[in-house]
Amino acid sequence: MLSNIGMPGVILILVVALIVFGPNKLPEIGRAVGKSLREFKKATEDITEDIRKEISEEVKEIKQEKVDLKK
């Protein structure tokens, strides 16, 4: 999505943000956006890790069942 914007688009967005919010509010907004992105990234990493653990446990159970069936 953002890869299609390009450098002129980013500059235009920054200029519009500067006009709309003013130079005093931009650092606050930047920090808030950065914090939100970090929290979102951490949440997605946590979900991914939970899914990997679940899959790993399922694979172990299936392998154990396979060994038990061979006996």
N, C-alpha and C. Protein backbone atom coordinates (compact mmCIF):
# COMPACT_ATOMS: atom_id res chain seq x y z
N MET A 1 0.83 -1.19 0.00
CA MET A 1 0.00 0.00 0.00
C MET A 1 0.88 1.25 0.00
N LEU A 2 1.74 1.37 0.99
CA LEU A 2 2.58 2.56 1.08
C LEU A 2 3.70 2.58 0.05
N SER A 3 4.03 1.42 -0.52
CA SER A 3 5.11 1.37 -1.51
C SER A 3 4.71 2.08 -2.80
N ASN A 4 3.44 2.31 -3.03
CA ASN A 4 2.99 2.97 -4.25
C ASN A 4 3.00 4.50 -4.14
N ILE A 5 3.24 5.03 -2.94
CA ILE A 5 3.17 6.47 -2.75
C ILE A 5 4.35 7.18 -3.39
N GLY A 6 5.56 6.75 -3.08
CA GLY A 6 6.75 7.38 -3.62
C GLY A 6 7.14 8.61 -2.82
N MET A 7 8.31 9.15 -3.14
CA MET A 7 8.84 10.29 -2.40
C MET A 7 8.00 11.56 -2.57
N PRO A 8 7.54 11.92 -3.78
CA PRO A 8 6.70 13.12 -3.90
C PRO A 8 5.41 13.03 -3.09
N GLY A 9 4.83 11.84 -3.03
CA GLY A 9 3.61 11.65 -2.26
C GLY A 9 3.86 11.82 -0.77
N VAL A 10 4.99 11.30 -0.29
CA VAL A 10 5.33 11.43 1.12
C VAL A 10 5.55 12.91 1.47
N ILE A 11 6.24 13.61 0.62
CA ILE A 11 6.47 15.04 0.86
C ILE A 11 5.15 15.80 0.89
N LEU A 12 4.26 15.49 -0.03
CA LEU A 12 2.95 16.14 -0.07
C LEU A 12 2.16 15.86 1.22
N ILE A 13 2.18 14.62 1.67
CA ILE A 13 1.48 14.27 2.91
C ILE A 13 2.07 15.03 4.09
N LEU A 14 3.38 15.12 4.17
CA LEU A 14 4.02 15.86 5.27
C LEU A 14 3.67 17.34 5.23
N VAL A 15 3.63 17.93 4.05
CA VAL A 15 3.28 19.35 3.93
C VAL A 15 1.83 19.57 4.36
N VAL A 16 0.93 18.71 3.93
CA VAL A 16 -0.47 18.84 4.32
C VAL A 16 -0.62 18.66 5.83
N ALA A 17 0.08 17.69 6.40
CA ALA A 17 0.02 17.48 7.85
C ALA A 17 0.56 18.70 8.59
N LEU A 18 1.61 19.30 8.08
CA LEU A 18 2.19 20.50 8.70
C LEU A 18 1.19 21.65 8.67
N ILE A 19 0.49 21.78 7.56
CA ILE A 19 -0.51 22.86 7.44
C ILE A 19 -1.70 22.59 8.36
N VAL A 20 -2.19 21.36 8.39
CA VAL A 20 -3.38 21.03 9.15
C VAL A 20 -3.11 21.06 10.66
N PHE A 21 -2.04 20.43 11.10
CA PHE A 21 -1.78 20.28 12.53
C PHE A 21 -0.84 21.34 13.10
N GLY A 22 -0.05 21.95 12.27
CA GLY A 22 0.90 22.94 12.76
C GLY A 22 2.19 22.29 13.24
N PRO A 23 3.25 23.07 13.32
CA PRO A 23 4.56 22.51 13.67
C PRO A 23 4.65 22.05 15.13
N ASN A 24 3.82 22.58 16.01
CA ASN A 24 3.91 22.20 17.42
C ASN A 24 3.27 20.84 17.71
N LYS A 25 2.25 20.47 16.94
CA LYS A 25 1.53 19.22 17.17
C LYS A 25 2.17 18.02 16.46
N LEU A 26 2.96 18.26 15.42
CA LEU A 26 3.50 17.15 14.63
C LEU A 26 4.36 16.18 15.46
N PRO A 27 5.25 16.64 16.35
CA PRO A 27 6.02 15.66 17.14
C PRO A 27 5.12 14.77 18.01
N GLU A 28 4.09 15.34 18.59
CA GLU A 28 3.16 14.56 19.40
C GLU A 28 2.45 13.50 18.55
N ILE A 29 2.01 13.91 17.40
CA ILE A 29 1.31 12.99 16.50
C ILE A 29 2.27 11.89 16.04
N GLY A 30 3.50 12.26 15.72
CA GLY A 30 4.50 11.28 15.30
C GLY A 30 4.78 10.25 16.38
N ARG A 31 4.91 10.72 17.62
CA ARG A 31 5.13 9.79 18.74
C ARG A 31 3.94 8.86 18.91
N ALA A 32 2.75 9.40 18.82
CA ALA A 32 1.54 8.58 18.99
C ALA A 32 1.44 7.52 17.89
N VAL A 33 1.73 7.92 16.67
CA VAL A 33 1.69 6.96 15.55
C VAL A 33 2.76 5.89 15.73
N GLY A 34 3.96 6.31 16.11
CA GLY A 34 5.04 5.35 16.34
C GLY A 34 4.71 4.36 17.44
N LYS A 35 4.15 4.86 18.53
CA LYS A 35 3.78 3.99 19.65
C LYS A 35 2.69 3.01 19.22
N SER A 36 1.72 3.49 18.47
CA SER A 36 0.64 2.61 18.00
C SER A 36 1.19 1.52 17.07
N LEU A 37 2.10 1.89 16.19
CA LEU A 37 2.69 0.90 15.28
C LEU A 37 3.50 -0.14 16.05
N ARG A 38 4.26 0.29 17.06
CA ARG A 38 5.02 -0.65 17.87
C ARG A 38 4.10 -1.62 18.60
N GLU A 39 3.02 -1.11 19.18
CA GLU A 39 2.07 -1.98 19.88
C GLU A 39 1.40 -2.97 18.93
N PHE A 40 1.05 -2.50 17.75
CA PHE A 40 0.43 -3.37 16.75
C PHE A 40 1.41 -4.46 16.33
N LYS A 41 2.67 -4.08 16.09
CA LYS A 41 3.68 -5.05 15.67
C LYS A 41 3.89 -6.09 16.77
N LYS A 42 3.96 -5.65 18.03
CA LYS A 42 4.15 -6.58 19.13
C LYS A 42 2.96 -7.54 19.24
N ALA A 43 1.76 -7.01 19.08
CA ALA A 43 0.57 -7.86 19.16
C ALA A 43 0.57 -8.91 18.05
N THR A 44 0.93 -8.52 16.84
CA THR A 44 0.97 -9.49 15.74
C THR A 44 2.06 -10.52 15.97
N GLU A 45 3.21 -10.11 16.54
CA GLU A 45 4.27 -11.07 16.84
C GLU A 45 3.81 -12.06 17.91
N ASP A 46 3.09 -11.57 18.93
CA ASP A 46 2.58 -12.44 19.98
C ASP A 46 1.58 -13.45 19.42
N ILE A 47 0.70 -12.99 18.56
CA ILE A 47 -0.29 -13.89 17.94
C ILE A 47 0.41 -14.94 17.08
N THR A 48 1.41 -14.50 16.31
CA THR A 48 2.15 -15.43 15.46
C THR A 48 2.85 -16.48 16.30
N GLU A 49 3.46 -16.06 17.41
CA GLU A 49 4.14 -17.01 18.30
C GLU A 49 3.15 -18.00 18.90
N ASP A 50 1.98 -17.53 19.31
CA ASP A 50 0.96 -18.44 19.85
C ASP A 50 0.54 -19.47 18.82
N ILE A 51 0.36 -19.04 17.59
CA ILE A 51 -0.03 -19.97 16.52
C ILE A 51 1.06 -20.98 16.27
N ARG A 52 2.32 -20.53 16.26
CA ARG A 52 3.43 -21.47 16.06
C ARG A 52 3.49 -22.51 17.17
N LYS A 53 3.26 -22.08 18.41
CA LYS A 53 3.28 -23.03 19.53
C LYS A 53 2.17 -24.06 19.38
N GLU A 54 0.98 -23.59 19.02
CA GLU A 54 -0.15 -24.50 18.84
C GLU A 54 0.13 -25.52 17.74
N ILE A 55 0.67 -25.05 16.64
CA ILE A 55 0.98 -25.95 15.52
C ILE A 55 2.04 -26.95 15.94
N SER A 56 3.06 -26.48 16.64
CA SER A 56 4.13 -27.37 17.11
C SER A 56 3.58 -28.45 18.03
N GLU A 57 2.70 -28.08 18.94
CA GLU A 57 2.09 -29.07 19.83
C GLU A 57 1.26 -30.08 19.06
N GLU A 58 0.52 -29.60 18.07
CA GLU A 58 -0.31 -30.51 17.26
C GLU A 58 0.57 -31.48 16.48
N VAL A 59 1.68 -30.99 15.94
CA VAL A 59 2.59 -31.85 15.17
C VAL A 59 3.19 -32.92 16.09
N LYS A 60 3.57 -32.52 17.30
CA LYS A 60 4.12 -33.49 18.26
C LYS A 60 3.09 -34.56 18.59
N GLU A 61 1.85 -34.16 18.80
CA GLU A 61 0.79 -35.12 19.11
C GLU A 61 0.56 -36.08 17.95
N ILE A 62 0.56 -35.54 16.74
CA ILE A 62 0.35 -36.39 15.56
C ILE A 62 1.50 -37.37 15.40
N LYS A 63 2.73 -36.91 15.62
CA LYS A 63 3.88 -37.81 15.52
C LYS A 63 3.81 -38.90 16.57
N GLN A 64 3.38 -38.54 17.78
CA GLN A 64 3.26 -39.53 18.85
C GLN A 64 2.18 -40.55 18.51
N GLU A 65 1.06 -40.11 17.96
CA GLU A 65 0.01 -41.02 17.55
C GLU A 65 0.49 -41.96 16.46
N LYS A 66 1.30 -41.43 15.56
CA LYS A 66 1.85 -42.25 14.48
C LYS A 66 2.76 -43.33 15.04
N VAL A 67 3.59 -42.96 16.02
CA VAL A 67 4.48 -43.94 16.65
C VAL A 67 3.65 -44.99 17.39
N ASP A 68 2.62 -44.56 18.09
CA ASP A 68 1.77 -45.49 18.83
C ASP A 68 1.05 -46.46 17.89
N LEU A 69 0.65 -45.97 16.72
CA LEU A 69 -0.04 -46.85 15.76
C LEU A 69 0.91 -47.90 15.17
N LYS A 70 2.18 -47.56 15.04
CA LYS A 70 3.15 -48.51 14.48
C LYS A 70 3.42 -49.66 15.45
N LYS A 71 3.23 -49.41 16.73
CA LYS A 71 3.50 -50.45 17.74
C LYS A 71 2.45 -51.47 17.75
